[in-house]
């Protein structure tokens, strides 16, 4: 469970860490260096050119995966994906 810093923890602002990382590549780079670094699953992000979704099998593994992919050449951003707590949108 994750909550925004400095606010009261409520069901409304509770987020769950998924096993996915959204990666934006620098212009002109392909996913090959990052794919070689990560042996887990990955796919192009739907309707978002230059973005990929990498997947880990480990609970909580998205944090380490995001850090590792961010260090790879040609990566602008690598952010763990969160989802809302069920029932709060």
C-alpha atoms as a PDB file:
ATOM      1  CA  UNK A   1       0.000   0.000   0.000  1.00  0.00           C
ATOM      2  CA  UNK A   2       1.216   3.479  -0.849  1.00  0.00           C
ATOM      3  CA  UNK A   3      -0.135   6.858   0.176  1.00  0.00           C
ATOM      4  CA  UNK A   4       0.789  10.400  -0.872  1.00  0.00           C
ATOM      5  CA  UNK A   5       3.297  11.964   1.511  1.00  0.00           C
ATOM      6  CA  UNK A   6       1.980  14.321   4.175  1.00  0.00           C
ATOM      7  CA  UNK A   7      -1.715  13.429   4.012  1.00  0.00           C
ATOM      8  CA  UNK A   8      -4.034  11.374   6.181  1.00  0.00           C
ATOM      9  CA  UNK A   9      -4.217   7.773   4.992  1.00  0.00           C
ATOM     10  CA  UNK A  10      -7.698   7.060   3.645  1.00  0.00           C
ATOM     11  CA  UNK A  11      -9.289   4.550   1.305  1.00  0.00           C
ATOM     12  CA  UNK A  12      -9.616   7.358  -1.244  1.00  0.00           C
ATOM     13  CA  UNK A  13      -5.879   8.061  -1.565  1.00  0.00           C
ATOM     14  CA  UNK A  14      -4.625   4.486  -1.031  1.00  0.00           C
ATOM     15  CA  UNK A  15      -2.707   3.036  -3.982  1.00  0.00           C
ATOM     16  CA  UNK A  16      -1.496  -0.472  -4.641  1.00  0.00           C
ATOM     17  CA  UNK A  17       1.865  -1.129  -6.291  1.00  0.00           C
ATOM     18  CA  UNK A  18       1.383  -3.299  -9.378  1.00  0.00           C
ATOM     19  CA  UNK A  19       4.009  -5.552 -10.934  1.00  0.00           C
ATOM     20  CA  UNK A  20       4.308  -3.203 -13.922  1.00  0.00           C
ATOM     21  CA  UNK A  21       6.653  -0.352 -14.814  1.00  0.00           C
ATOM     22  CA  UNK A  22       5.863   2.250 -17.467  1.00  0.00           C
ATOM     23  CA  UNK A  23       8.995   3.149 -19.424  1.00  0.00           C
ATOM     24  CA  UNK A  24       9.421   6.121 -21.768  1.00  0.00           C
ATOM     25  CA  UNK A  25      12.341   5.839 -24.126  1.00  0.00           C
ATOM     26  CA  UNK A  26      14.395   8.757 -25.420  1.00  0.00           C
ATOM     27  CA  UNK A  27      13.647   9.759 -28.996  1.00  0.00           C
ATOM     28  CA  UNK A  28      15.468   7.517 -31.436  1.00  0.00           C
ATOM     29  CA  UNK A  29      16.042   4.660 -28.984  1.00  0.00           C
ATOM     30  CA  UNK A  30      14.370   1.305 -29.096  1.00  0.00           C
ATOM     31  CA  UNK A  31      13.664  -1.010 -26.209  1.00  0.00           C
ATOM     32  CA  UNK A  32      16.521  -3.402 -26.979  1.00  0.00           C
ATOM     33  CA  UNK A  33      18.985  -2.294 -24.240  1.00  0.00           C
ATOM     34  CA  UNK A  34      16.282  -2.327 -21.579  1.00  0.00           C
ATOM     35  CA  UNK A  35      14.801  -5.593 -22.846  1.00  0.00           C
ATOM     36  CA  UNK A  36      18.203  -7.212 -22.623  1.00  0.00           C
ATOM     37  CA  UNK A  37      18.572  -5.945 -19.053  1.00  0.00           C
ATOM     38  CA  UNK A  38      15.160  -7.284 -18.057  1.00  0.00           C
ATOM     39  CA  UNK A  39      14.284 -10.890 -18.782  1.00  0.00           C
ATOM     40  CA  UNK A  40      10.688 -10.575 -17.546  1.00  0.00           C
ATOM     41  CA  UNK A  41       7.703  -9.738 -19.681  1.00  0.00           C
ATOM     42  CA  UNK A  42       7.321  -6.500 -21.587  1.00  0.00           C
ATOM     43  CA  UNK A  43       5.089  -5.045 -24.291  1.00  0.00           C
ATOM     44  CA  UNK A  44       4.587  -1.740 -26.092  1.00  0.00           C
ATOM     45  CA  UNK A  45       2.177   0.484 -24.179  1.00  0.00           C
ATOM     46  CA  UNK A  46      -1.170   0.662 -25.979  1.00  0.00           C
ATOM     47  CA  UNK A  47      -1.608   3.865 -28.017  1.00  0.00           C
ATOM     48  CA  UNK A  48       1.589   5.450 -26.645  1.00  0.00           C
ATOM     49  CA  UNK A  49       4.492   5.443 -29.090  1.00  0.00           C
ATOM     50  CA  UNK A  50       7.862   5.285 -27.368  1.00  0.00           C
ATOM     51  CA  UNK A  51       6.421   3.788 -24.171  1.00  0.00           C
ATOM     52  CA  UNK A  52       6.704   0.218 -22.957  1.00  0.00           C
ATOM     53  CA  UNK A  53       5.310  -1.735 -20.026  1.00  0.00           C
ATOM     54  CA  UNK A  54       7.763  -4.025 -18.269  1.00  0.00           C
ATOM     55  CA  UNK A  55       6.437  -6.674 -15.881  1.00  0.00           C
ATOM     56  CA  UNK A  56       8.042  -8.400 -12.907  1.00  0.00           C
ATOM     57  CA  UNK A  57       6.875 -11.612 -11.292  1.00  0.00           C
ATOM     58  CA  UNK A  58       7.957 -10.516  -7.806  1.00  0.00           C
ATOM     59  CA  UNK A  59       5.643  -8.801  -5.351  1.00  0.00           C
ATOM     60  CA  UNK A  60       7.145  -5.355  -4.834  1.00  0.00           C
ATOM     61  CA  UNK A  61       9.593  -6.013  -7.664  1.00  0.00           C
ATOM     62  CA  UNK A  62       8.395  -3.018  -9.682  1.00  0.00           C
ATOM     63  CA  UNK A  63      10.436  -0.647  -7.506  1.00  0.00           C
ATOM     64  CA  UNK A  64      13.729  -2.415  -8.217  1.00  0.00           C
ATOM     65  CA  UNK A  65      12.790  -2.954 -11.843  1.00  0.00           C
ATOM     66  CA  UNK A  66      12.069   0.760 -12.327  1.00  0.00           C
ATOM     67  CA  UNK A  67      15.458   1.657 -10.842  1.00  0.00           C
ATOM     68  CA  UNK A  68      17.308  -0.861 -13.018  1.00  0.00           C
ATOM     69  CA  UNK A  69      15.563   0.154 -16.235  1.00  0.00           C
ATOM     70  CA  UNK A  70      16.064   3.873 -15.475  1.00  0.00           C
ATOM     71  CA  UNK A  71      19.828   3.275 -15.397  1.00  0.00           C
ATOM     72  CA  UNK A  72      19.758   1.723 -18.866  1.00  0.00           C
ATOM     73  CA  UNK A  73      20.794   3.968 -21.729  1.00  0.00           C
ATOM     74  CA  UNK A  74      18.091   5.661 -23.746  1.00  0.00           C
ATOM     75  CA  UNK A  75      15.459   5.780 -20.998  1.00  0.00           C
ATOM     76  CA  UNK A  76      13.729   9.068 -20.072  1.00  0.00           C
ATOM     77  CA  UNK A  77      11.443   7.745 -17.358  1.00  0.00           C
ATOM     78  CA  UNK A  78      10.751   4.427 -15.639  1.00  0.00           C
ATOM     79  CA  UNK A  79       7.888   4.617 -13.143  1.00  0.00           C
ATOM     80  CA  UNK A  80       6.229   1.832 -11.169  1.00  0.00           C
ATOM     81  CA  UNK A  81       2.543   1.654 -12.023  1.00  0.00           C
ATOM     82  CA  UNK A  82      -0.018   2.058  -9.258  1.00  0.00           C
ATOM     83  CA  UNK A  83      -3.713   1.286  -9.131  1.00  0.00           C
ATOM     84  CA  UNK A  84      -6.445   2.677  -6.969  1.00  0.00           C
ATOM     85  CA  UNK A  85      -7.821   0.787  -4.017  1.00  0.00           C
ATOM     86  CA  UNK A  86     -10.896  -1.175  -5.192  1.00  0.00           C
ATOM     87  CA  UNK A  87     -14.001   0.931  -5.011  1.00  0.00           C
ATOM     88  CA  UNK A  88     -12.378   4.379  -5.053  1.00  0.00           C
ATOM     89  CA  UNK A  89     -11.934   4.841  -8.777  1.00  0.00           C
END
